[in-house]
Protein backbone atom coordinates (compact mmCIF):
# COMPACT_ATOMS: atom_id res chain seq x y z
CA UNK A 1 58.46 -3.22 -86.85
CA UNK A 2 56.48 -5.21 -84.67
CA UNK A 3 57.10 -9.65 -86.40
CA UNK A 4 55.38 -12.57 -86.40
CA UNK A 5 57.55 -16.13 -85.70
CA UNK A 6 57.39 -17.88 -89.32
CA UNK A 7 58.48 -21.11 -87.17
CA UNK A 8 55.78 -20.49 -84.72
CA UNK A 9 52.69 -22.62 -84.50
CA UNK A 10 51.09 -19.95 -85.96
CA UNK A 11 52.71 -19.41 -89.06
CA UNK A 12 52.40 -23.41 -89.31
CA UNK A 13 48.83 -23.97 -89.11
CA UNK A 14 46.90 -20.86 -90.41
CA UNK A 15 44.39 -20.24 -88.30
CA UNK A 16 41.18 -20.89 -90.19
CA UNK A 17 38.01 -19.08 -88.62
CA UNK A 18 35.24 -21.01 -88.51
CA UNK A 19 32.86 -18.22 -88.09
CA UNK A 20 32.83 -15.06 -90.02
CA UNK A 21 35.22 -13.16 -87.36
CA UNK A 22 37.78 -13.17 -90.31
CA UNK A 23 41.67 -11.52 -90.41
CA UNK A 24 42.58 -11.10 -93.55
CA UNK A 25 45.87 -9.89 -92.54
CA UNK A 26 46.75 -12.61 -90.54
CA UNK A 27 45.24 -15.36 -93.24
CA UNK A 28 48.87 -15.96 -94.82
CA UNK A 29 50.95 -15.50 -92.23
CA UNK A 30 54.03 -15.55 -93.87
CA UNK A 31 53.43 -12.61 -95.84
CA UNK A 32 52.12 -10.75 -92.45
CA UNK A 33 55.46 -11.25 -90.70
CA UNK A 34 57.41 -9.55 -93.59
CA UNK A 35 54.76 -7.05 -94.47
CA UNK A 36 54.94 -5.87 -90.52
CA UNK A 37 59.10 -6.43 -90.76
CA UNK A 38 59.88 -4.45 -93.87
CA UNK A 39 57.03 -1.69 -92.92
CA UNK A 40 58.33 -1.53 -89.33
CA UNK A 41 62.22 -1.13 -90.30
CA UNK A 42 61.47 1.25 -93.15
CA UNK A 43 59.53 3.46 -90.84
CA UNK A 44 62.81 3.14 -87.96
CA UNK A 45 64.89 4.29 -90.82
CA UNK A 46 62.84 7.22 -92.40
CA UNK A 47 62.58 8.41 -88.77
CA UNK A 48 66.30 8.19 -87.94
CA UNK A 49 67.35 9.76 -91.32
CA UNK A 50 65.16 13.08 -90.67
CA UNK A 51 66.39 13.49 -87.20
CA UNK A 52 70.20 13.11 -88.62
CA UNK A 53 69.35 15.31 -91.63
CA UNK A 54 67.70 18.04 -89.19
CA UNK A 55 71.41 18.09 -87.42
CA UNK A 56 72.83 18.88 -90.54
CA UNK A 57 73.14 17.09 -93.88
CA UNK A 58 75.69 14.28 -94.04
CA UNK A 59 76.29 11.46 -96.60
CA UNK A 60 78.12 9.95 -94.12
CA UNK A 61 75.42 10.10 -91.33
CA UNK A 62 72.67 8.73 -93.83
CA UNK A 63 74.84 5.80 -94.79
CA UNK A 64 75.54 4.60 -91.00
CA UNK A 65 71.83 5.35 -90.42
CA UNK A 66 71.25 2.80 -93.77
CA UNK A 67 73.56 0.42 -92.18
CA UNK A 68 72.19 0.00 -88.42
CA UNK A 69 68.55 0.27 -89.80
CA UNK A 70 69.62 -3.20 -91.93
CA UNK A 71 71.62 -4.46 -88.87
CA UNK A 72 69.03 -3.84 -86.91
CA UNK A 73 66.53 -6.03 -89.28
CA UNK A 74 68.91 -8.64 -89.91
CA UNK A 75 69.21 -8.89 -85.73
CA UNK A 76 65.04 -9.00 -84.99
CA UNK A 77 64.81 -11.25 -87.76
CA UNK A 78 67.20 -14.14 -85.22
CA UNK A 79 64.89 -12.95 -82.53
CA UNK A 80 61.81 -14.06 -83.92
CA UNK A 81 63.46 -17.53 -84.91
CA UNK A 82 64.82 -17.55 -81.22
CA UNK A 83 61.61 -16.06 -79.78
CA UNK A 84 59.56 -18.80 -81.54
CA UNK A 85 62.12 -21.67 -80.30
CA UNK A 86 61.59 -20.60 -76.56
CA UNK A 87 57.96 -20.39 -76.53
CA UNK A 88 57.53 -23.69 -76.76
CA UNK A 89 59.79 -24.15 -73.74
CA UNK A 90 57.98 -23.90 -70.10
CA UNK A 91 57.06 -20.04 -69.21
CA UNK A 92 59.97 -19.28 -66.40
CA UNK A 93 63.22 -20.68 -68.85
CA UNK A 94 61.24 -19.02 -71.64
CA UNK A 95 61.29 -15.69 -70.19
CA UNK A 96 64.33 -16.08 -68.66
CA UNK A 97 65.68 -17.08 -71.84
CA UNK A 98 64.14 -14.08 -73.72
CA UNK A 99 65.44 -12.12 -71.26
CA UNK A 100 68.94 -13.14 -71.44
CA UNK A 101 68.51 -12.89 -75.26
CA UNK A 102 67.31 -9.54 -75.24
CA UNK A 103 70.68 -8.04 -73.32
CA UNK A 104 72.95 -10.18 -75.31
CA UNK A 105 71.05 -8.57 -79.01
CA UNK A 106 71.48 -4.95 -77.38
CA UNK A 107 75.06 -5.57 -76.47
CA UNK A 108 75.81 -6.81 -80.17
CA UNK A 109 73.67 -4.13 -81.64
CA UNK A 110 75.79 -1.48 -79.65
CA UNK A 111 79.15 -2.33 -80.10
CA UNK A 112 78.55 -2.70 -83.97
CA UNK A 113 76.60 0.69 -84.23
CA UNK A 114 79.33 1.97 -82.15
CA UNK A 115 82.38 0.91 -84.66
CA UNK A 116 80.56 1.92 -87.66
CA UNK A 117 79.99 5.18 -86.17
CA UNK A 118 83.75 5.35 -85.19
CA UNK A 119 84.21 3.90 -89.03
CA UNK A 120 82.73 6.74 -90.64
CA UNK A 121 83.22 9.40 -88.49
CA UNK A 122 86.76 9.23 -86.96
CA UNK A 123 90.51 8.98 -88.73
CA UNK A 124 90.93 5.56 -87.52
CA UNK A 125 88.48 3.50 -86.16
CA UNK A 126 88.56 1.99 -82.55
CA UNK A 127 85.65 0.98 -80.09
CA UNK A 128 85.50 2.55 -76.90
CA UNK A 129 83.85 1.65 -74.07
CA UNK A 130 82.14 5.21 -73.89
CA UNK A 131 81.34 4.95 -77.18
CA UNK A 132 79.35 1.79 -76.65
CA UNK A 133 77.23 2.76 -73.79
CA UNK A 134 76.27 5.80 -75.85
CA UNK A 135 74.81 3.90 -78.14
CA UNK A 136 73.37 0.89 -75.50
CA UNK A 137 70.26 3.45 -74.34
CA UNK A 138 68.53 3.43 -78.36
CA UNK A 139 69.94 0.16 -79.02
CA UNK A 140 68.07 -1.49 -76.28
CA UNK A 141 64.74 0.88 -76.96
CA UNK A 142 64.51 -0.30 -80.69
CA UNK A 143 65.00 -4.23 -79.96
CA UNK A 144 62.77 -4.17 -76.65
CA UNK A 145 59.94 -2.14 -78.42
CA UNK A 146 60.27 -4.92 -80.74
CA UNK A 147 60.13 -7.48 -78.64
CA UNK A 148 57.18 -5.95 -76.82
CA UNK A 149 55.14 -6.00 -80.43
CA UNK A 150 56.50 -8.90 -81.06
CA UNK A 151 54.87 -10.47 -78.16
CA UNK A 152 52.16 -8.37 -78.29
CA UNK A 153 50.59 -9.72 -81.64
CA UNK A 154 51.24 -13.22 -80.87
CA UNK A 155 48.99 -12.86 -78.02
CA UNK A 156 46.17 -11.40 -79.84
CA UNK A 157 46.79 -14.73 -82.53
CA UNK A 158 46.40 -16.84 -79.60
CA UNK A 159 43.09 -14.81 -78.14
CA UNK A 160 41.81 -14.78 -81.13
CA UNK A 161 42.70 -18.68 -81.67
CA UNK A 162 41.08 -19.69 -78.72
CA UNK A 163 38.06 -16.95 -79.14
CA UNK A 164 37.10 -19.09 -82.37
CA UNK A 165 37.88 -22.63 -80.87
CA UNK A 166 35.12 -21.09 -78.32
CA UNK A 167 32.69 -20.14 -80.82
CA UNK A 168 33.14 -23.40 -82.94
CA UNK A 169 31.91 -25.42 -79.59
CA UNK A 170 29.30 -23.16 -78.40
CA UNK A 171 28.29 -23.93 -81.99
CA UNK A 172 28.77 -27.72 -81.81
CA UNK A 173 27.10 -27.48 -78.49
CA UNK A 174 24.17 -25.45 -79.48
CA UNK A 175 23.53 -27.65 -82.76
CA UNK A 176 23.39 -30.52 -80.77
CA UNK A 177 20.90 -29.02 -78.31
CA UNK A 178 18.85 -28.78 -81.65
CA UNK A 179 19.08 -31.99 -82.72
CA UNK A 180 18.68 -33.60 -79.56
CA UNK A 181 15.09 -31.42 -79.67
CA UNK A 182 14.29 -32.43 -82.63
CA UNK A 183 14.69 -36.34 -82.75
CA UNK A 184 12.61 -35.72 -79.27
CA UNK A 185 9.31 -35.32 -81.73
CA UNK A 186 10.08 -38.17 -83.92
CA UNK A 187 9.71 -41.43 -81.58
CA UNK A 188 6.23 -39.57 -80.16
CA UNK A 189 5.06 -39.12 -83.44
CA UNK A 190 6.22 -42.70 -84.81
CA UNK A 191 4.39 -44.12 -81.78
CA UNK A 192 1.38 -42.85 -82.60
CA UNK A 193 1.18 -43.46 -86.23
CA UNK A 194 2.02 -47.13 -85.76
CA UNK A 195 -0.49 -47.10 -83.27
CA UNK A 196 -3.10 -46.34 -85.59
CA UNK A 197 -1.53 -48.53 -87.53
CA UNK A 198 -1.92 -51.30 -86.29
CA UNK A 199 -5.45 -50.24 -85.05
CA UNK A 200 -6.31 -50.34 -88.50
CA UNK A 201 -5.15 -53.96 -88.94
CA UNK A 202 -6.72 -55.01 -86.03
CA UNK A 203 -10.02 -53.93 -87.25
CA UNK A 204 -9.18 -55.32 -90.61
CA UNK A 205 -9.15 -52.37 -92.89
CA UNK A 206 -6.09 -52.76 -94.62
CA UNK A 207 -6.56 -50.87 -97.84
CA UNK A 208 -6.71 -47.80 -95.31
CA UNK A 209 -3.65 -49.01 -93.38
CA UNK A 210 -1.78 -49.21 -96.43
CA UNK A 211 -2.70 -45.85 -97.00
CA UNK A 212 -1.54 -44.76 -94.04
CA UNK A 213 1.89 -46.27 -94.25
CA UNK A 214 2.78 -44.47 -97.85
CA UNK A 215 2.01 -41.10 -95.98
CA UNK A 216 4.16 -41.87 -93.08
CA UNK A 217 6.90 -43.16 -95.45
CA UNK A 218 6.58 -39.52 -97.26
CA UNK A 219 6.54 -37.87 -94.05
CA UNK A 220 9.58 -39.86 -92.60
CA UNK A 221 10.96 -39.38 -96.02
CA UNK A 222 11.30 -35.48 -95.46
CA UNK A 223 12.10 -35.52 -91.81
CA UNK A 224 14.76 -37.40 -92.11
CA UNK A 225 16.40 -36.23 -94.97
CA UNK A 226 16.48 -33.21 -93.62
CA UNK A 227 19.53 -32.03 -90.73
CA UNK A 228 17.61 -31.65 -87.65
CA UNK A 229 19.19 -28.21 -86.91
CA UNK A 230 18.19 -27.06 -90.18
CA UNK A 231 15.86 -24.07 -90.68
CA UNK A 232 13.10 -24.33 -93.70
CA UNK A 233 10.93 -21.88 -95.19
CA UNK A 234 7.24 -21.37 -93.91
CA UNK A 235 5.94 -22.99 -97.41
CA UNK A 236 8.09 -26.20 -96.44
CA UNK A 237 6.43 -26.03 -93.11
CA UNK A 238 2.99 -25.93 -94.01
CA UNK A 239 3.71 -28.70 -96.62
CA UNK A 240 5.33 -30.79 -93.81
CA UNK A 241 2.11 -30.19 -91.77
CA UNK A 242 0.18 -31.14 -94.17
CA UNK A 243 1.65 -34.60 -94.97
CA UNK A 244 1.07 -34.36 -90.68
CA UNK A 245 -2.76 -33.74 -91.01
CA UNK A 246 -3.16 -36.63 -94.37
CA UNK A 247 -2.18 -39.37 -92.17
CA UNK A 248 -4.15 -37.96 -88.76
CA UNK A 249 -7.53 -37.46 -91.42
CA UNK A 250 -7.29 -41.55 -91.98
CA UNK A 251 -8.34 -41.60 -88.20
CA UNK A 252 -10.88 -38.63 -87.84
CA UNK A 253 -11.64 -38.13 -91.53
CA UNK A 254 -14.22 -35.25 -91.18
CA UNK A 255 -14.08 -34.33 -87.69
CA UNK A 256 -10.13 -32.82 -88.59
CA UNK A 257 -10.48 -29.74 -90.37
CA UNK A 258 -7.46 -28.44 -91.25
CA UNK A 259 -7.42 -24.07 -92.36
CA UNK A 260 -4.05 -23.13 -93.90
CA UNK A 261 -3.95 -19.31 -93.88
CA UNK A 262 -0.17 -18.49 -94.75
CA UNK A 263 0.85 -14.95 -96.42
CA UNK A 264 2.43 -15.07 -99.61
CA UNK A 265 5.06 -12.29 -98.33
CA UNK A 266 5.99 -14.68 -95.70
CA UNK A 267 6.13 -17.94 -97.52
CA UNK A 268 10.16 -17.44 -97.69
CA UNK A 269 10.53 -17.07 -93.89
CA UNK A 270 12.99 -19.15 -92.25
CA UNK A 271 11.84 -21.30 -89.14
CA UNK A 272 13.40 -24.60 -87.75
CA UNK A 273 11.52 -27.47 -89.32
CA UNK A 274 9.19 -29.36 -87.52
CA UNK A 275 8.89 -26.46 -85.42
CA UNK A 276 5.00 -26.56 -86.12
CA UNK A 277 4.03 -30.03 -85.67
CA UNK A 278 3.70 -30.15 -81.68
CA UNK A 279 1.02 -27.68 -81.81
CA UNK A 280 -1.15 -29.14 -84.53
CA UNK A 281 -0.31 -32.86 -82.43
CA UNK A 282 -1.32 -31.18 -79.35
CA UNK A 283 -4.88 -29.95 -80.81
CA UNK A 284 -5.41 -32.80 -82.56
CA UNK A 285 -5.51 -34.58 -78.89
CA UNK A 286 -7.28 -31.90 -76.59
CA UNK A 287 -9.22 -30.56 -79.71
CA UNK A 288 -10.32 -33.06 -82.38
CA UNK A 289 -10.23 -36.52 -80.05
CA UNK A 290 -12.30 -35.49 -76.74
CA UNK A 291 -14.97 -33.89 -79.13
CA UNK A 292 -17.66 -36.31 -81.22
CA UNK A 293 -17.95 -33.33 -83.88
CA UNK A 294 -14.63 -32.83 -83.65
CA UNK A 295 -12.57 -29.66 -84.37
CA UNK A 296 -11.02 -26.84 -86.67
CA UNK A 297 -7.17 -26.62 -86.56
CA UNK A 298 -6.38 -22.64 -88.26
CA UNK A 299 -2.54 -22.64 -89.26
CA UNK A 300 -1.88 -19.24 -90.40
CA UNK A 301 0.96 -16.49 -90.70
CA UNK A 302 1.84 -13.24 -91.41
CA UNK A 303 3.53 -10.33 -92.00
CA UNK A 304 3.90 -7.43 -88.94
CA UNK A 305 6.42 -4.94 -90.00
CA UNK A 306 9.51 -6.83 -90.05
CA UNK A 307 7.92 -9.51 -87.99
CA UNK A 308 6.13 -13.05 -88.39
CA UNK A 309 3.73 -13.77 -86.55
CA UNK A 310 2.61 -17.13 -87.13
CA UNK A 311 -0.73 -18.64 -84.78
CA UNK A 312 -2.18 -22.95 -84.45
CA UNK A 313 -5.41 -22.55 -83.32
CA UNK A 314 -8.24 -24.79 -82.82
CA UNK A 315 -12.07 -24.82 -82.09
CA UNK A 316 -12.09 -27.23 -79.36
CA UNK A 317 -13.08 -27.01 -75.08
CA UNK A 318 -10.30 -24.89 -74.21
CA UNK A 319 -8.64 -25.00 -70.81
CA UNK A 320 -10.98 -26.58 -68.23
CA UNK A 321 -10.93 -24.83 -65.07
CA UNK A 322 -8.36 -26.00 -62.57
CA UNK A 323 -7.36 -28.55 -65.72
CA UNK A 324 -4.48 -27.08 -67.38
CA UNK A 325 -3.83 -28.54 -71.03
CA UNK A 326 -1.16 -30.62 -70.61
CA UNK A 327 1.98 -30.69 -73.18
CA UNK A 328 2.36 -34.26 -75.25
CA UNK A 329 2.48 -36.89 -73.51
CA UNK A 330 6.11 -37.38 -73.57
CA UNK A 331 6.87 -33.88 -72.46
CA UNK A 332 8.31 -32.68 -75.27
CA UNK A 333 5.61 -30.54 -76.64
CA UNK A 334 5.29 -27.03 -75.52
CA UNK A 335 8.82 -26.86 -74.08
CA UNK A 336 10.92 -27.98 -76.89
CA UNK A 337 9.15 -25.83 -78.91
CA UNK A 338 10.21 -22.71 -76.24
CA UNK A 339 13.59 -24.54 -76.44
CA UNK A 340 14.41 -24.72 -80.15
CA UNK A 341 12.83 -20.64 -80.57
CA UNK A 342 15.23 -19.77 -77.61
CA UNK A 343 18.27 -21.23 -79.33
CA UNK A 344 17.21 -20.34 -82.52
CA UNK A 345 16.50 -16.51 -82.38
CA UNK A 346 17.87 -16.06 -78.36
CA UNK A 347 15.29 -13.50 -76.95
CA UNK A 348 14.32 -12.27 -80.55
CA UNK A 349 11.15 -14.08 -80.24
CA UNK A 350 7.86 -14.31 -78.84
CA UNK A 351 6.03 -17.48 -77.76
CA UNK A 352 2.06 -16.96 -76.48
CA UNK A 353 -0.25 -19.31 -75.53
CA UNK A 354 -3.90 -18.21 -75.08
CA UNK A 355 -7.20 -19.96 -74.00
CA UNK A 356 -11.11 -19.07 -74.35
CA UNK A 357 -12.86 -22.16 -72.28
CA UNK A 358 -15.47 -23.56 -74.29
CA UNK A 359 -14.16 -21.86 -77.55
CA UNK A 360 -10.76 -23.26 -78.65
CA UNK A 361 -7.11 -22.81 -77.63
CA UNK A 362 -4.45 -21.22 -79.59
CA UNK A 363 -0.63 -20.31 -79.78
CA UNK A 364 1.30 -17.51 -81.09
CA UNK A 365 4.79 -17.20 -82.46
CA UNK A 366 6.87 -14.31 -83.85
CA UNK A 367 9.80 -14.31 -85.30
CA UNK A 368 12.03 -12.01 -87.47
CA UNK A 369 11.28 -11.88 -90.93
CA UNK A 370 14.51 -14.21 -92.10
CA UNK A 371 14.60 -14.85 -95.92
CA UNK A 372 15.92 -18.45 -96.75
CA UNK A 373 19.65 -18.93 -96.87
CA UNK A 374 20.13 -21.97 -99.42
CA UNK A 375 23.09 -23.21 -98.41
CA UNK A 376 21.67 -23.82 -95.01
CA UNK A 377 17.87 -24.47 -96.49
CA UNK A 378 17.09 -28.23 -95.95
CA UNK A 379 16.63 -30.45 -98.72
């Protein structure tokens, strides 16, 4: 018997959940209202008919039950409209009007029910106080139960809508934070690269400067074409790193020796875009730059059960005693990666840095093995 108000805001503006928490039954609010109304009163009619037949079969009794159910059905349609109107009022007046309406509807229901009973059962139809009082209890129980279910269903819809809105806001906040973390990387990288190009120009190495500008434009075209919150495949991330390293090799030549060891089984694993670039940049700064012979930077990825293990290591000096290897000069390196991993995977990830003094520094990241989603994949 529980119904929804067709005129309430829930019907006028259907809720479309922004996430996967769909409620198919309530997607069409008008359909849900009529289905619940018809189903509830049909069940009540069957129940009352069974009770009437258990006391002895009579056509008059069945007709009386049918008419009673029809009256109740019509009264609750009126109640749904009035309740929907009251809900737009302040709380106290709305409660008082709801109780008054319920009481009035109960009296009307009882009077009509008593008249029908006397019309069918008595030789001369009449309405008496005793007969009305005798039907008030069951009529009040029916209408009060219907009203309670009405408000319960509508309260459920309010709560669900608020939950959907909260989830949408949380998602927007998470995406904004991810975008902020991604955007922290671009100015820093761009500053370093433009500084290198400026140096080449000052040294009158215009051909090398032009090549570096061309490679920089390719790298920026890729990063700017992607949404900052997008996930890319590990293969795409590796190609981005190669673009970046081609730019850096213009500065270091053979001193920079990159090695990629990507297991084909994890080539399509998803991870936040430009997640590994700060690690490679860190390795260049603290392994390649300070050593005359340069260093080898290895980017490896392998499958471990249902996890992807990614390692970025170098053959630099590692951590010098009493001197910690810092993050990037802007302070957004390792901390940035940790925050992006937390945003993307929550606690379901591992980030571990290791150092072997005099032999190198490495960072190992372990994330869930998630296949790319074409609709979220970066351009």
